[in-house]
Protein backbone atom coordinates (compact mmCIF):
# COMPACT_ATOMS: atom_id res chain seq x y z
CA UNK A 1 8.51 -17.80 -39.90
CA UNK A 2 4.83 -17.43 -39.13
CA UNK A 3 5.14 -20.16 -36.56
CA UNK A 4 8.07 -18.38 -34.82
CA UNK A 5 6.23 -15.06 -34.70
CA UNK A 6 3.24 -16.69 -33.12
CA UNK A 7 5.35 -18.45 -30.51
CA UNK A 8 7.11 -15.13 -29.74
CA UNK A 9 3.66 -13.44 -29.54
CA UNK A 10 2.33 -16.02 -27.07
CA UNK A 11 5.41 -15.83 -24.88
CA UNK A 12 5.21 -12.13 -24.80
CA UNK A 13 1.64 -11.96 -23.84
CA UNK A 14 1.45 -14.89 -21.51
CA UNK A 15 4.59 -13.96 -19.38
CA UNK A 16 3.60 -12.58 -15.89
CA UNK A 17 4.69 -9.02 -15.23
CA UNK A 18 8.23 -8.75 -14.06
CA UNK A 19 9.35 -6.69 -11.10
CA UNK A 20 11.89 -3.95 -11.79
CA UNK A 21 13.52 -4.59 -8.37
CA UNK A 22 13.18 -7.62 -6.27
CA UNK A 23 14.45 -7.13 -2.64
CA UNK A 24 15.53 -10.55 -1.61
CA UNK A 25 17.66 -9.65 1.33
CA UNK A 26 17.39 -7.12 4.21
CA UNK A 27 17.77 -3.65 2.78
CA UNK A 28 17.95 -0.21 3.96
CA UNK A 29 16.77 2.81 1.91
CA UNK A 30 18.18 6.19 3.00
CA UNK A 31 17.64 9.73 1.33
CA UNK A 32 15.98 9.87 -1.93
CA UNK A 33 14.85 6.83 -3.88
CA UNK A 34 13.29 6.86 -7.31
CA UNK A 35 11.50 4.02 -9.04
CA UNK A 36 9.97 3.58 -12.62
CA UNK A 37 9.30 -0.11 -12.23
CA UNK A 38 7.60 -2.26 -9.48
CA UNK A 39 9.56 -3.11 -6.44
CA UNK A 40 8.75 -6.46 -4.52
CA UNK A 41 9.98 -7.33 -1.02
CA UNK A 42 9.89 -11.13 -0.72
CA UNK A 43 8.63 -13.06 2.27
CA UNK A 44 11.10 -13.28 5.11
CA UNK A 45 12.94 -10.06 4.01
CA UNK A 46 12.85 -6.71 5.77
CA UNK A 47 12.84 -3.37 3.99
CA UNK A 48 13.84 -0.58 6.32
CA UNK A 49 13.24 3.16 5.15
CA UNK A 50 15.14 5.64 7.32
CA UNK A 51 13.42 8.76 8.85
CA UNK A 52 13.33 11.61 6.32
CA UNK A 53 13.68 9.46 3.20
CA UNK A 54 11.53 9.88 0.22
CA UNK A 55 10.69 7.04 -1.97
CA UNK A 56 9.20 8.33 -5.31
CA UNK A 57 7.47 5.98 -7.84
CA UNK A 58 6.41 6.55 -11.45
CA UNK A 59 4.03 4.00 -13.03
CA UNK A 60 5.10 1.50 -10.33
CA UNK A 61 4.06 0.06 -7.02
CA UNK A 62 5.95 -1.24 -3.87
CA UNK A 63 4.52 -4.84 -3.09
CA UNK A 64 5.43 -6.13 0.49
CA UNK A 65 5.21 -9.91 1.11
CA UNK A 66 7.91 -9.54 3.85
CA UNK A 67 8.37 -6.76 6.43
CA UNK A 68 8.42 -3.02 5.88
CA UNK A 69 9.80 -0.77 8.69
CA UNK A 70 9.49 2.83 8.00
CA UNK A 71 9.28 5.97 10.29
CA UNK A 72 8.77 9.58 9.32
CA UNK A 73 9.26 8.77 5.47
CA UNK A 74 7.28 9.79 2.41
CA UNK A 75 6.08 7.36 -0.30
CA UNK A 76 4.78 9.40 -3.28
CA UNK A 77 4.73 9.55 -7.07
CA UNK A 78 3.05 9.96 -10.44
CA UNK A 79 0.53 7.41 -11.74
CA UNK A 80 1.73 4.91 -9.25
CA UNK A 81 -0.25 2.17 -7.78
CA UNK A 82 0.90 2.70 -4.08
CA UNK A 83 1.93 0.16 -1.42
CA UNK A 84 0.40 -3.30 -1.70
CA UNK A 85 0.63 -5.43 1.57
CA UNK A 86 -0.02 -9.07 0.99
CA UNK A 87 -0.95 -10.98 4.12
CA UNK A 88 0.99 -8.55 6.33
CA UNK A 89 0.82 -8.43 10.03
CA UNK A 90 2.11 -6.20 12.74
CA UNK A 91 5.48 -6.46 11.43
CA UNK A 92 4.74 -3.70 8.90
CA UNK A 93 5.30 -0.33 10.77
CA UNK A 94 4.69 3.16 9.25
CA UNK A 95 4.30 5.56 11.97
CA UNK A 96 4.66 9.10 10.92
CA UNK A 97 4.87 8.10 7.19
CA UNK A 98 3.14 10.01 4.45
CA UNK A 99 1.65 8.33 1.43
CA UNK A 100 0.20 10.47 -1.32
CA UNK A 101 -0.49 10.66 -5.02
CA UNK A 102 -1.20 6.91 -5.63
CA UNK A 103 -4.22 5.19 -7.12
CA UNK A 104 -4.67 3.49 -3.85
CA UNK A 105 -2.20 4.58 -1.03
CA UNK A 106 -2.18 1.23 0.88
CA UNK A 107 -3.90 -1.92 -0.50
CA UNK A 108 -4.16 -4.57 2.04
CA UNK A 109 -4.89 -8.14 0.82
CA UNK A 110 -5.58 -10.33 3.89
CA UNK A 111 -3.45 -10.55 6.95
CA UNK A 112 -3.48 -8.51 10.31
CA UNK A 113 -1.69 -5.30 9.59
CA UNK A 114 -1.45 -2.87 12.52
CA UNK A 115 -1.19 0.66 10.96
CA UNK A 116 -0.63 3.64 13.25
CA UNK A 117 -0.04 7.29 12.59
CA UNK A 118 -0.10 7.23 8.83
CA UNK A 119 -1.15 10.16 6.67
CA UNK A 120 -2.70 9.32 3.42
CA UNK A 121 -3.42 12.40 1.23
CA UNK A 122 -4.15 13.06 -2.39
CA UNK A 123 -4.69 9.47 -3.44
CA UNK A 124 -7.75 8.23 -5.29
CA UNK A 125 -8.27 5.84 -2.34
CA UNK A 126 -6.27 6.29 0.98
CA UNK A 127 -6.52 2.66 2.36
CA UNK A 128 -8.40 -0.34 0.86
CA UNK A 129 -8.84 -3.45 2.98
CA UNK A 130 -9.79 -6.64 1.25
CA UNK A 131 -9.55 -10.44 1.61
CA UNK A 132 -10.77 -10.76 5.15
CA UNK A 133 -8.23 -8.55 6.46
CA UNK A 134 -8.18 -7.91 10.36
CA UNK A 135 -5.94 -5.94 12.49
CA UNK A 136 -6.20 -2.31 13.11
CA UNK A 137 -5.88 1.19 11.67
CA UNK A 138 -5.42 3.64 14.37
CA UNK A 139 -4.45 7.44 14.69
CA UNK A 140 -4.34 7.66 10.74
CA UNK A 141 -5.18 10.84 8.82
CA UNK A 142 -7.23 10.57 5.64
CA UNK A 143 -6.96 13.96 3.99
CA UNK A 144 -8.06 15.04 0.55
CA UNK A 145 -8.31 11.63 -1.01
CA UNK A 146 -10.09 11.98 -4.30
CA UNK A 147 -12.67 9.30 -3.95
CA UNK A 148 -12.59 7.51 -0.67
CA UNK A 149 -10.37 7.97 2.54
CA UNK A 150 -10.75 4.38 3.76
CA UNK A 151 -12.46 1.46 1.82
CA UNK A 152 -13.23 -1.56 3.86
CA UNK A 153 -14.67 -4.59 2.16
CA UNK A 154 -14.79 -8.39 1.58
CA UNK A 155 -15.62 -9.43 5.14
CA UNK A 156 -12.65 -7.43 6.50
CA UNK A 157 -13.01 -7.03 10.24
CA UNK A 158 -10.20 -4.40 10.82
CA UNK A 159 -10.64 -2.12 13.81
CA UNK A 160 -10.66 1.71 12.93
CA UNK A 161 -9.97 3.71 15.80
CA UNK A 162 -9.03 7.44 16.62
CA UNK A 163 -8.67 8.43 12.87
CA UNK A 164 -9.23 11.83 11.15
CA UNK A 165 -11.23 12.06 7.85
CA UNK A 166 -11.18 15.49 6.22
CA UNK A 167 -12.00 16.73 2.70
CA UNK A 168 -12.10 13.24 1.09
CA UNK A 169 -14.14 13.02 -2.26
CA UNK A 170 -17.14 10.80 -2.07
CA UNK A 171 -16.64 9.23 1.23
CA UNK A 172 -14.44 9.56 4.23
CA UNK A 173 -14.99 5.86 5.06
CA UNK A 174 -17.04 3.30 3.07
CA UNK A 175 -17.87 -0.13 4.43
CA UNK A 176 -18.94 -2.74 1.94
CA UNK A 177 -19.73 -6.33 3.01
CA UNK A 178 -17.48 -5.68 6.11
CA UNK A 179 -17.97 -5.41 9.75
CA UNK A 180 -15.03 -3.81 11.67
CA UNK A 181 -14.46 -5.21 15.05
CA UNK A 182 -14.33 -1.58 16.29
CA UNK A 183 -15.18 1.72 14.58
CA UNK A 184 -14.92 4.44 17.20
CA UNK A 185 -13.49 7.88 18.17
CA UNK A 186 -13.11 8.87 14.49
């Protein structure tokens, strides 16, 4: 009995976290969506979020390894981790989207995302770029994020152009071991 309990405990503590929803085929979200567990979009799959839609997360995150197409939509929640872009490129489109209330609104790990016209407000950190990310962040608004609007680090070279930084906690933009290709007209 002790051996069985020990094996059960090892399995429970060593199992990687499971995603509440795995998006494994092209999917469209329309209207209101609510999630209490992590959502993962697999490589090669497109998640489209219709204009006017609201995706609300509680104690969860939206991880994109595939493609995210959203226009004029809102991503928000309580105690949520935000959007996680893993190795994304220009195929992630978020023009006119609002991302608010997250620990990190958009966490970018590598890749070459081209983010344009996104509003990040009321997050701890608006956008965090890591893992030698390149690409561009343009015409984005970083408003009232509690700690940092934009955090660029780990040899990331993403260009930051024509963005607005207003009322962010400690820093509007913080560069740490990073050298953006361009940082202008902000």
